[in-house]
Protein backbone atom coordinates (compact mmCIF):
# COMPACT_ATOMS: atom_id res chain seq x y z
CA MET A 1 -5.28 -12.31 -201.36
CA SER A 2 -5.79 -15.92 -200.24
CA PHE A 3 -8.45 -17.13 -197.83
CA ALA A 4 -8.71 -20.19 -195.60
CA THR A 5 -11.83 -22.24 -196.06
CA VAL A 6 -13.85 -23.19 -193.02
CA THR A 7 -16.92 -25.30 -193.50
CA ALA A 8 -18.89 -27.73 -191.43
CA GLY A 9 -22.18 -29.53 -191.82
CA ILE A 10 -24.72 -31.92 -190.53
CA ARG A 11 -26.60 -34.38 -192.64
CA LYS A 12 -29.99 -34.36 -194.23
CA PRO A 13 -33.19 -35.48 -192.42
CA LEU A 14 -34.95 -32.10 -192.55
CA ALA A 15 -34.27 -31.52 -196.24
CA LEU A 16 -35.68 -34.92 -197.10
CA PHE A 17 -38.75 -34.34 -194.93
CA ILE A 18 -39.47 -31.03 -196.65
CA SER A 19 -39.00 -32.65 -200.06
CA ALA A 20 -41.50 -35.35 -199.13
CA LEU A 21 -44.05 -32.76 -198.01
CA PHE A 22 -44.00 -30.98 -201.36
CA VAL A 23 -44.26 -34.11 -203.47
CA ALA A 24 -46.91 -35.74 -201.31
CA ALA A 25 -49.15 -32.70 -201.66
CA ALA A 26 -48.36 -31.89 -205.27
CA LEU A 27 -48.23 -35.07 -207.33
CA PRO A 28 -50.81 -37.83 -207.76
CA ALA A 29 -50.59 -40.55 -205.16
CA VAL A 30 -50.35 -44.22 -206.11
CA SER A 31 -51.94 -46.94 -204.04
CA THR A 32 -49.50 -49.19 -202.24
CA ALA A 33 -51.96 -51.98 -201.44
CA ALA A 34 -50.66 -54.90 -203.47
CA PRO A 35 -49.78 -58.57 -203.16
CA ALA A 36 -46.18 -59.74 -202.97
CA THR A 37 -44.22 -59.01 -206.12
CA LYS A 38 -43.97 -61.71 -208.76
CA PRO A 39 -42.11 -61.68 -212.06
CA ALA A 40 -44.33 -60.04 -214.69
CA ALA A 41 -43.68 -62.79 -217.14
CA GLN A 42 -41.43 -65.75 -217.71
CA ALA A 43 -40.47 -66.42 -221.30
CA LYS A 44 -38.73 -69.52 -220.02
CA ALA A 45 -37.82 -70.95 -216.63
CA SER A 46 -34.37 -69.34 -216.43
CA VAL A 47 -35.48 -65.80 -217.35
CA GLN A 48 -37.01 -63.60 -214.65
CA ARG A 49 -38.61 -60.49 -216.16
CA PHE A 50 -39.77 -57.51 -214.10
CA VAL A 51 -41.64 -54.47 -215.42
CA LEU A 52 -41.34 -51.25 -213.38
CA LYS A 53 -42.26 -47.62 -213.80
CA THR A 54 -41.28 -44.59 -211.76
CA GLY A 55 -43.74 -42.51 -209.79
CA VAL A 56 -44.54 -40.85 -206.46
CA VAL A 57 -46.04 -42.75 -203.53
CA ASP A 58 -46.61 -41.33 -200.04
CA GLY A 59 -44.38 -38.37 -200.79
CA LYS A 60 -41.46 -40.46 -202.09
CA MET A 61 -40.18 -40.98 -205.61
CA VAL A 62 -40.09 -44.74 -206.19
CA TYR A 63 -40.06 -47.64 -208.63
CA ILE A 64 -43.50 -49.27 -208.94
CA ASP A 65 -44.24 -52.78 -210.22
CA GLN A 66 -47.29 -53.95 -212.16
CA GLN A 67 -49.11 -54.83 -208.95
CA GLY A 68 -48.63 -51.29 -207.60
CA LYS A 69 -45.97 -52.18 -205.04
CA SER A 70 -43.30 -49.55 -204.33
CA ASN A 71 -39.62 -50.48 -204.63
CA PRO A 72 -40.49 -54.19 -204.79
CA ALA A 73 -38.07 -56.93 -203.84
CA LEU A 74 -37.00 -58.56 -207.12
CA LYS A 75 -36.38 -62.27 -206.55
CA ALA A 76 -34.38 -64.70 -208.69
CA ALA A 77 -31.97 -67.63 -208.37
CA VAL A 78 -28.32 -68.04 -209.24
CA GLY A 79 -28.10 -68.95 -212.91
CA ASP A 80 -31.23 -67.02 -213.88
CA THR A 81 -31.15 -64.25 -216.42
CA ILE A 82 -32.76 -61.14 -214.89
CA GLU A 83 -34.47 -58.69 -217.19
CA ILE A 84 -35.71 -55.38 -215.73
CA VAL A 85 -37.83 -53.19 -217.99
CA VAL A 86 -38.38 -49.71 -216.55
CA SER A 87 -40.06 -46.52 -217.78
CA SER A 88 -40.72 -42.99 -216.45
CA GLY A 89 -44.24 -42.71 -215.13
CA GLU A 90 -44.09 -38.95 -214.44
CA GLY A 91 -41.81 -37.95 -217.34
CA ALA A 92 -38.63 -37.02 -215.43
CA GLN A 93 -35.22 -38.50 -216.16
CA HIS A 94 -34.10 -41.65 -214.29
CA ASP A 95 -32.02 -44.79 -214.60
CA ILE A 96 -31.73 -48.03 -212.66
CA ALA A 97 -28.38 -49.25 -211.35
CA ILE A 98 -27.01 -52.01 -209.11
CA PRO A 99 -23.74 -50.59 -207.74
CA GLU A 100 -22.58 -53.82 -206.04
CA LEU A 101 -22.72 -55.59 -209.41
CA ASN A 102 -21.38 -52.60 -211.35
CA LEU A 103 -24.49 -52.51 -213.55
CA ALA A 104 -26.51 -49.56 -214.83
CA SER A 105 -29.17 -48.98 -217.46
CA ALA A 106 -29.23 -46.14 -219.92
CA LYS A 107 -30.99 -43.00 -218.73
CA PHE A 108 -34.64 -42.69 -219.69
CA ASP A 109 -37.50 -40.20 -219.42
CA GLY A 110 -41.00 -39.64 -220.72
CA LYS A 111 -39.74 -39.11 -224.27
CA THR A 112 -37.34 -42.05 -224.56
CA GLY A 113 -39.77 -44.75 -223.49
CA PRO A 114 -38.69 -47.81 -221.45
CA VAL A 115 -35.19 -49.20 -221.18
CA THR A 116 -34.08 -52.73 -220.30
CA LEU A 117 -31.33 -53.87 -217.95
CA ARG A 118 -30.49 -57.55 -218.61
CA PHE A 119 -27.86 -59.60 -216.80
CA LYS A 120 -27.13 -63.09 -215.48
CA ALA A 121 -27.32 -63.78 -211.74
CA GLU A 122 -23.94 -65.31 -210.94
CA LYS A 123 -23.80 -64.99 -207.14
CA ALA A 124 -26.25 -65.20 -204.29
CA GLY A 125 -27.05 -62.32 -201.95
CA LYS A 126 -29.07 -59.17 -201.50
CA PHE A 127 -28.14 -56.30 -203.80
CA THR A 128 -29.47 -52.74 -203.88
CA TYR A 129 -30.97 -51.19 -206.99
CA ILE A 130 -31.12 -47.39 -207.15
CA CYS A 131 -31.56 -44.37 -209.39
CA THR A 132 -28.22 -42.59 -209.82
CA ILE A 133 -29.71 -39.22 -210.83
CA PRO A 134 -28.49 -36.86 -208.07
CA GLY A 135 -30.93 -36.76 -205.18
CA HIS A 136 -33.28 -39.48 -206.44
CA ARG A 137 -31.96 -42.25 -204.22
CA GLN A 138 -32.20 -39.93 -201.23
CA ILE A 139 -35.90 -39.29 -201.83
CA GLY A 140 -36.85 -42.94 -202.14
CA MET A 141 -35.62 -44.62 -205.32
CA GLU A 142 -34.02 -47.68 -203.74
CA GLY A 143 -34.96 -51.36 -203.57
CA VAL A 144 -33.48 -54.84 -203.19
CA ILE A 145 -32.73 -57.71 -205.56
CA GLU A 146 -32.65 -61.06 -203.72
CA ILE A 147 -30.70 -63.83 -205.46
CA THR A 148 -30.78 -67.28 -203.88
CA GLY A 149 -28.84 -70.46 -204.60
CA ASN A 150 -25.24 -71.57 -205.04
CA ALA A 151 -22.92 -69.83 -207.47
CA ALA A 152 -21.36 -73.19 -208.36
CA ALA A 153 -24.70 -74.27 -209.77
CA ALA A 154 -24.78 -71.44 -212.28
CA ALA A 155 -24.51 -72.32 -215.94
CA GLN A 156 -21.14 -71.63 -217.49
CA ALA A 157 -22.57 -69.74 -220.45
CA PRO A 158 -21.31 -66.15 -220.71
CA ALA A 159 -23.54 -63.50 -219.16
CA PRO A 160 -25.17 -60.86 -221.37
CA ARG A 161 -23.13 -57.72 -221.90
CA VAL A 162 -24.46 -54.74 -219.89
CA PRO A 163 -23.42 -51.12 -219.38
CA THR A 164 -21.25 -50.46 -216.34
CA LEU A 165 -21.17 -47.53 -213.96
CA ALA A 166 -18.94 -44.74 -215.22
CA ALA A 167 -15.72 -43.82 -213.48
CA ALA A 168 -15.74 -40.53 -211.58
CA ALA A 169 -13.32 -38.69 -213.88
CA ILE A 170 -14.12 -35.09 -214.70
CA LYS A 171 -15.34 -34.42 -218.22
CA ALA A 172 -14.05 -31.60 -220.38
CA ALA A 173 -15.77 -28.27 -219.91
CA ASP A 174 -18.67 -27.73 -222.29
CA ALA A 175 -17.38 -25.42 -225.03
CA ALA A 176 -20.97 -24.38 -225.74
CA ALA A 177 -21.67 -23.39 -222.11
CA VAL A 178 -23.48 -20.04 -221.86
CA SER A 179 -23.59 -17.27 -219.31
CA ILE A 180 -26.30 -17.77 -216.72
CA ALA A 181 -25.29 -14.81 -214.52
CA MET A 182 -28.19 -12.43 -213.95
CA ASP A 183 -27.37 -8.78 -214.69
CA PRO A 184 -27.65 -6.98 -211.32
CA ASN A 185 -29.05 -3.96 -213.18
CA ALA A 186 -32.10 -6.00 -214.28
CA VAL A 187 -34.43 -4.49 -211.70
CA PRO A 188 -38.02 -3.74 -212.78
CA LYS A 189 -38.87 -0.05 -212.57
CA PRO A 190 -40.82 1.23 -209.54
CA LEU A 191 -44.57 0.90 -210.00
CA THR A 192 -46.48 4.09 -210.70
CA ASP A 193 -50.03 2.93 -211.41
CA LYS A 194 -52.77 3.59 -208.87
CA GLY A 195 -54.81 1.02 -206.98
CA PRO A 196 -54.58 -2.78 -207.06
CA GLN A 197 -53.73 -4.22 -210.48
CA LEU A 198 -53.78 -7.61 -212.20
CA ARG A 199 -50.16 -8.44 -213.02
CA LYS A 200 -49.24 -11.39 -215.21
CA TYR A 201 -45.91 -13.22 -215.30
CA ARG A 202 -44.75 -16.20 -217.31
CA ILE A 203 -41.55 -18.00 -216.30
CA GLU A 204 -39.90 -20.91 -218.10
CA THR A 205 -37.75 -23.47 -216.31
CA VAL A 206 -34.70 -24.35 -218.39
CA GLU A 207 -31.84 -26.80 -217.79
CA LEU A 208 -28.61 -25.85 -219.50
CA ASN A 209 -24.83 -26.03 -219.26
CA GLY A 210 -23.53 -22.71 -218.03
CA LYS A 211 -20.22 -21.09 -217.16
CA LEU A 212 -19.47 -21.58 -213.47
CA ASP A 213 -15.88 -20.26 -213.61
CA ASP A 214 -13.08 -19.78 -216.12
CA GLY A 215 -12.61 -23.16 -217.80
CA THR A 216 -15.39 -24.73 -215.75
CA SER A 217 -18.97 -25.53 -216.78
CA PHE A 218 -21.88 -26.82 -214.72
CA THR A 219 -25.41 -28.02 -215.44
CA TYR A 220 -27.70 -25.33 -214.08
CA TRP A 221 -31.44 -25.60 -213.54
CA THR A 222 -32.88 -22.12 -214.00
CA PHE A 223 -35.86 -19.83 -214.14
CA ASP A 224 -35.66 -18.09 -217.56
CA LYS A 225 -32.05 -19.22 -218.22
CA LYS A 226 -30.54 -17.00 -215.51
CA VAL A 227 -29.40 -17.29 -211.90
CA PRO A 228 -31.13 -15.87 -210.01
CA GLY A 229 -34.40 -15.95 -211.92
CA PRO A 230 -36.17 -12.73 -212.91
CA MET A 231 -36.95 -10.24 -210.18
CA LEU A 232 -40.72 -9.80 -209.91
CA ARG A 233 -42.23 -6.50 -208.75
CA VAL A 234 -45.82 -6.09 -207.57
CA ARG A 235 -47.66 -3.96 -205.03
CA THR A 236 -49.65 -4.81 -201.91
CA GLY A 237 -53.22 -5.67 -202.93
CA ASP A 238 -52.31 -6.69 -206.48
CA THR A 239 -53.60 -9.94 -207.96
CA VAL A 240 -50.80 -11.88 -209.61
CA GLU A 241 -51.32 -14.50 -212.34
CA LEU A 242 -48.17 -16.62 -212.67
CA THR A 243 -47.66 -19.29 -215.32
CA LEU A 244 -44.77 -21.72 -214.90
CA ALA A 245 -43.74 -23.59 -218.07
CA ASN A 246 -41.19 -26.42 -218.03
CA ARG A 247 -39.28 -26.55 -221.31
CA ALA A 248 -39.79 -29.74 -223.29
CA ASP A 249 -36.13 -30.78 -223.21
CA SER A 250 -35.94 -30.69 -219.40
CA THR A 251 -35.03 -33.92 -217.61
CA GLN A 252 -36.72 -32.98 -214.33
CA VAL A 253 -40.07 -31.91 -212.97
CA HIS A 254 -39.86 -28.31 -211.70
CA SER A 255 -42.05 -25.98 -209.65
CA ILE A 256 -42.12 -22.62 -207.87
CA ASP A 257 -42.71 -21.72 -204.22
CA LEU A 258 -42.96 -17.97 -203.60
CA HIS A 259 -42.54 -16.90 -200.00
CA ALA A 260 -44.85 -13.96 -200.73
CA VAL A 261 -47.79 -16.31 -201.38
CA THR A 262 -50.34 -17.44 -198.80
CA GLY A 263 -51.70 -20.97 -199.42
CA GLY A 264 -50.80 -23.93 -201.62
CA HIS A 265 -47.27 -24.25 -200.21
CA GLY A 266 -46.54 -20.87 -201.75
CA GLY A 267 -47.56 -22.27 -205.15
CA GLY A 268 -45.28 -25.30 -204.89
CA GLN A 269 -48.23 -27.61 -204.29
CA HIS A 270 -49.86 -26.87 -207.64
CA THR A 271 -46.93 -26.07 -209.95
CA GLN A 272 -45.17 -29.44 -210.12
CA VAL A 273 -44.74 -29.26 -213.89
CA ALA A 274 -43.47 -32.12 -216.06
CA PRO A 275 -41.25 -31.43 -219.10
CA GLY A 276 -43.22 -29.82 -221.91
CA LYS A 277 -46.12 -28.82 -219.64
CA GLU A 278 -47.21 -25.65 -217.85
CA GLN A 279 -49.38 -24.64 -214.92
CA THR A 280 -50.91 -21.34 -213.76
CA ILE A 281 -51.66 -20.09 -210.26
CA THR A 282 -53.26 -16.82 -209.14
CA PHE A 283 -52.59 -15.19 -205.78
CA LYS A 284 -53.08 -11.91 -203.97
CA ALA A 285 -50.06 -9.98 -202.69
CA LEU A 286 -51.15 -9.53 -199.08
CA ASN A 287 -47.97 -8.42 -197.32
CA PRO A 288 -45.34 -5.89 -198.38
CA GLY A 289 -41.71 -6.97 -198.32
CA LEU A 290 -38.89 -8.60 -200.26
CA TYR A 291 -39.38 -12.35 -200.60
CA VAL A 292 -37.46 -15.32 -201.99
CA TYR A 293 -38.95 -17.74 -204.48
CA HIS A 294 -37.45 -21.12 -205.37
CA CYS A 295 -38.16 -24.52 -206.89
CA ALA A 296 -39.97 -26.89 -204.55
CA THR A 297 -39.46 -30.21 -206.33
CA PRO A 298 -37.47 -32.98 -204.63
CA LEU A 299 -34.68 -33.01 -203.93
CA VAL A 300 -35.54 -29.39 -203.06
CA PRO A 301 -32.03 -28.27 -201.96
CA HIS A 302 -30.56 -29.75 -205.15
CA HIS A 303 -32.93 -27.75 -207.34
CA ILE A 304 -32.15 -24.59 -205.37
CA SER A 305 -28.38 -25.08 -205.39
CA ALA A 306 -28.47 -25.71 -209.15
CA GLY A 307 -29.85 -22.18 -209.59
CA MET A 308 -33.60 -22.21 -209.07
CA TYR A 309 -34.21 -19.17 -206.88
CA GLY A 310 -35.11 -15.49 -207.22
CA LEU A 311 -36.78 -12.52 -205.52
CA ILE A 312 -40.25 -10.97 -205.60
CA LEU A 313 -40.71 -7.44 -204.25
CA VAL A 314 -44.14 -6.55 -202.91
CA GLU A 315 -44.09 -2.76 -202.67
CA PRO A 316 -46.10 -1.06 -199.94
CA GLU A 317 -48.91 1.30 -200.93
CA GLY A 318 -47.20 4.43 -202.20
CA GLY A 319 -44.01 2.51 -203.05
CA LEU A 320 -40.56 2.71 -201.52
CA PRO A 321 -38.53 5.93 -201.04
CA LYS A 322 -36.88 6.99 -204.29
CA VAL A 323 -33.19 6.21 -204.85
CA ASP A 324 -30.76 6.82 -207.70
CA ARG A 325 -29.60 3.24 -208.37
CA GLU A 326 -31.18 -0.16 -207.74
CA PHE A 327 -29.36 -3.50 -208.00
CA TYR A 328 -30.46 -7.15 -207.77
CA VAL A 329 -28.02 -9.56 -206.09
CA MET A 330 -28.44 -13.07 -204.71
CA GLN A 331 -26.03 -15.48 -203.01
CA GLY A 332 -25.92 -19.25 -203.48
CA ASP A 333 -23.82 -22.25 -202.47
CA ILE A 334 -22.93 -24.93 -205.04
CA TYR A 335 -21.73 -28.51 -204.43
CA THR A 336 -19.60 -30.09 -207.14
CA SER A 337 -18.03 -33.46 -207.88
CA HIS A 338 -14.52 -31.99 -207.84
CA LYS A 339 -12.97 -29.33 -205.65
CA HIS A 340 -13.17 -25.61 -206.30
CA GLY A 341 -11.01 -24.48 -209.20
CA THR A 342 -10.95 -27.80 -211.06
CA LYS A 343 -11.20 -27.22 -214.81
CA GLY A 344 -13.80 -29.23 -216.70
CA HIS A 345 -17.51 -29.94 -216.44
CA GLN A 346 -18.49 -30.18 -212.79
CA ASP A 347 -21.31 -32.54 -211.82
CA PHE A 348 -23.51 -31.99 -208.79
CA ASP A 349 -22.56 -33.79 -205.54
CA VAL A 350 -25.55 -34.67 -203.37
CA ASP A 351 -23.45 -36.02 -200.51
CA LYS A 352 -21.53 -32.75 -200.17
CA MET A 353 -24.83 -30.89 -200.22
CA ALA A 354 -26.23 -33.08 -197.44
CA ALA A 355 -23.06 -32.48 -195.41
CA GLU A 356 -23.28 -28.73 -196.19
CA LEU A 357 -19.75 -28.59 -197.64
CA PRO A 358 -19.95 -26.30 -200.69
CA ASP A 359 -17.16 -26.06 -203.25
CA TYR A 360 -18.38 -22.72 -204.61
CA TYR A 361 -20.09 -19.65 -203.19
CA VAL A 362 -21.46 -17.29 -205.83
CA PHE A 363 -23.20 -13.98 -206.34
CA ASN A 364 -25.66 -14.17 -209.24
CA GLY A 365 -24.85 -17.73 -210.15
CA ALA A 366 -21.19 -17.77 -211.17
CA VAL A 367 -17.66 -16.82 -210.13
CA GLY A 368 -16.91 -13.34 -211.47
CA ALA A 369 -20.55 -12.52 -212.26
CA LEU A 370 -20.32 -9.18 -210.44
CA THR A 371 -16.60 -8.46 -210.95
CA LYS A 372 -15.84 -9.43 -214.54
CA GLU A 373 -19.08 -10.03 -216.42
CA HIS A 374 -21.53 -7.41 -215.16
CA LYS A 375 -20.91 -3.92 -213.84
CA MET A 376 -22.57 -2.02 -211.02
CA GLU A 377 -21.81 1.68 -211.25
CA ALA A 378 -22.74 4.85 -209.39
CA ARG A 379 -21.65 8.48 -208.99
CA THR A 380 -20.63 10.20 -205.80
CA GLY A 381 -23.61 11.75 -204.10
CA GLU A 382 -26.05 9.10 -205.36
CA THR A 383 -28.07 6.77 -203.16
CA VAL A 384 -27.74 3.08 -203.97
CA ARG A 385 -30.26 0.37 -203.09
CA ILE A 386 -29.44 -3.35 -203.22
CA TYR A 387 -32.19 -5.95 -203.20
CA PHE A 388 -30.24 -8.85 -201.71
CA GLY A 389 -31.36 -12.43 -201.11
CA VAL A 390 -29.88 -15.81 -200.24
CA GLY A 391 -31.07 -18.75 -202.28
CA GLY A 392 -28.80 -21.09 -200.35
CA PRO A 393 -29.85 -23.81 -200.00
CA ASN A 394 -27.82 -24.14 -196.81
CA LYS A 395 -25.63 -21.18 -195.91
CA ILE A 396 -26.56 -17.85 -194.34
CA SER A 397 -24.83 -14.62 -195.37
CA SER A 398 -23.14 -11.89 -193.33
CA PHE A 399 -23.66 -9.32 -196.08
CA HIS A 400 -21.19 -6.44 -196.09
CA VAL A 401 -19.92 -3.78 -198.50
CA ILE A 402 -16.26 -3.04 -197.82
CA GLY A 403 -15.75 0.71 -197.41
CA GLU A 404 -19.41 1.56 -196.87
CA ILE A 405 -22.02 1.71 -194.10
CA PHE A 406 -25.66 0.88 -194.77
CA ASP A 407 -27.70 4.00 -194.05
CA LYS A 408 -30.89 1.92 -193.99
CA VAL A 409 -31.49 -1.82 -193.69
CA TYR A 410 -34.91 -3.36 -194.22
CA SER A 411 -33.96 -6.37 -192.14
CA GLU A 412 -35.18 -9.81 -193.26
CA GLY A 413 -36.95 -8.13 -196.17
CA SER A 414 -39.51 -6.46 -193.90
CA ILE A 415 -40.51 -2.98 -195.05
CA SER A 416 -42.40 -2.32 -191.81
CA THR A 417 -39.28 -1.39 -189.82
CA VAL A 418 -35.96 0.17 -190.78
CA LYS A 419 -32.58 -0.13 -189.07
CA LYS A 420 -30.05 2.67 -189.53
CA ASP A 421 -26.25 2.83 -189.63
CA VAL A 422 -25.52 -0.88 -190.06
CA GLN A 423 -22.08 -2.32 -190.92
CA THR A 424 -23.01 -5.96 -191.68
CA THR A 425 -26.45 -7.52 -191.94
CA LEU A 426 -27.34 -11.17 -191.44
CA VAL A 427 -29.45 -12.79 -194.17
CA PRO A 428 -30.68 -16.38 -193.69
CA ALA A 429 -30.96 -19.02 -196.39
CA GLY A 430 -34.33 -18.42 -198.00
CA GLY A 431 -34.35 -14.84 -196.74
CA ALA A 432 -33.74 -11.35 -198.10
CA THR A 433 -32.92 -7.78 -197.17
CA ILE A 434 -32.91 -4.32 -198.70
CA VAL A 435 -29.98 -2.00 -198.02
CA ASP A 436 -29.69 1.71 -198.91
CA PHE A 437 -26.53 3.81 -198.72
CA LYS A 438 -25.25 7.08 -200.13
CA VAL A 439 -21.88 6.83 -201.89
CA GLU A 440 -19.76 9.80 -200.84
CA TYR A 441 -16.31 8.91 -202.14
CA PRO A 442 -15.07 7.40 -205.43
CA GLY A 443 -13.56 3.94 -205.64
CA SER A 444 -14.38 0.24 -205.89
CA TYR A 445 -16.63 -1.03 -203.13
CA LEU A 446 -16.51 -4.80 -202.65
CA LEU A 447 -19.59 -6.89 -201.89
CA VAL A 448 -18.74 -9.82 -199.64
CA ASP A 449 -20.07 -12.29 -197.15
CA HIS A 450 -18.03 -11.42 -194.04
CA ALA A 451 -17.44 -15.12 -193.52
CA LEU A 452 -14.47 -14.12 -195.63
CA SER A 453 -13.06 -17.52 -196.50
CA ARG A 454 -15.98 -17.73 -198.92
CA ALA A 455 -14.43 -15.00 -201.04
CA GLY A 456 -11.74 -17.53 -201.96
CA LYS A 457 -14.47 -19.77 -203.35
CA GLY A 458 -15.93 -17.12 -205.63
CA LEU A 459 -18.07 -14.83 -203.45
CA VAL A 460 -17.03 -11.30 -204.43
CA GLY A 461 -18.79 -8.46 -206.22
CA LYS A 462 -18.06 -4.77 -206.65
CA ILE A 463 -19.64 -1.39 -207.23
CA ASP A 464 -17.51 1.16 -209.09
CA VAL A 465 -18.13 4.72 -207.93
CA THR A 466 -16.83 7.68 -209.94
CA GLY A 467 -16.87 11.38 -209.23
CA PRO A 468 -14.94 13.99 -207.30
CA ALA A 469 -13.10 12.96 -204.13
CA ASP A 470 -14.09 14.87 -201.00
CA SER A 471 -11.00 15.03 -198.78
CA SER A 472 -13.18 15.76 -195.77
CA VAL A 473 -14.67 12.28 -196.15
CA TYR A 474 -11.40 10.41 -196.76
CA LYS A 475 -7.82 11.12 -197.77
CA VAL A 476 -4.38 9.59 -197.59
CA GLY A 477 -2.15 11.38 -195.11
CA LYS A 478 -2.47 13.50 -192.01
CA ALA A 479 -5.36 15.78 -191.19
CA ALA A 480 -4.88 19.43 -192.10
CA ASP A 481 -3.95 21.75 -189.27
């Protein structure tokens, strides 16, 4: 079955504002009071040398010079040799590039130390320098190089050789790519202990190349190497101690914002963790319900789309009604450098994300995660419960199971009220729901977003139900006389 794709989007001011809020509150501020930028040193008159480091100022990720000025204007004259030495102040991965001049440095981070971009100024004008790591330019890493003078006056000596910006050809799929698809059966057991408890969790953020589709790999950013991250289960009144560790080989700072947490931006304010570091927060589970958690490090929607989301269930006192089967499913939208179905290693496309034009829609992180890789099974007569959430970052879900009716829906993840006899339930980005239904006839029941063109971009799951067929429920042919 083929599906037409219908997408539309508007661009990004809100996402950037939210990103700025998290970073401003979470990372150390740097003073911006500084005199006009001057070259750090001049080995000789024709060499202009600038020393920069990356950091966060006023909620933006920026380049900072030795006088503390953010994204300084770098000034030189035609004929000068410009030398830019830049290092990672917070440990994350960056580069520095000048697209108009087709120049780019090597990538660097806290482990590599500084890199140098050296070139000869051969024409006058104002040129933009940026970080090409997806999302970094959008959250502030952009400045200007001002070159004055006449190109005819430039010396005729050959300019130093420098790296150039890579062409946008797709790379081969990573043969070592691993499965990142979370098993929908990986639901923690219902809690049976009495009274409020201290519950401890440790989650590691890991960046890795994973299988997005057959013949297609993608660089995922994950909680515990899976998408979604682990489902957490606590009870109202519990105290939760959560440690977030960022693996040493990560290129990015990562964090966690749990919608079940009151204070500290849901934890995002105090868990901005550099590669090789960890941070612990403690919170009380005040409100029952099913809640999303996600990374809250800029560019926040990029981190979410790359796989950094999950669910935390806060059971009410006494727990939820017992069911026979529980499943854990989350929906996400992914934005890639090449269109859906292209074989190879897909890079992330920030512009498509800002325009809200996804190339892939997925359940549990990858195409086929819930149809080919993992199985959801039940027997006729059993009651099934699905804990369902939308990581997003942008698209809502019209969640539907073809051939079934939800007997109960805990709409928007609220356990306080229950809807009954629901065909399709709306779940917002960053939201969740719980659906219960009794399976009364054998067959394959398809999980979809009823914005059905999305099925053609990967958004299909299924539950296989076995057992005797009750012809009073359904049969092929005419009713008996």
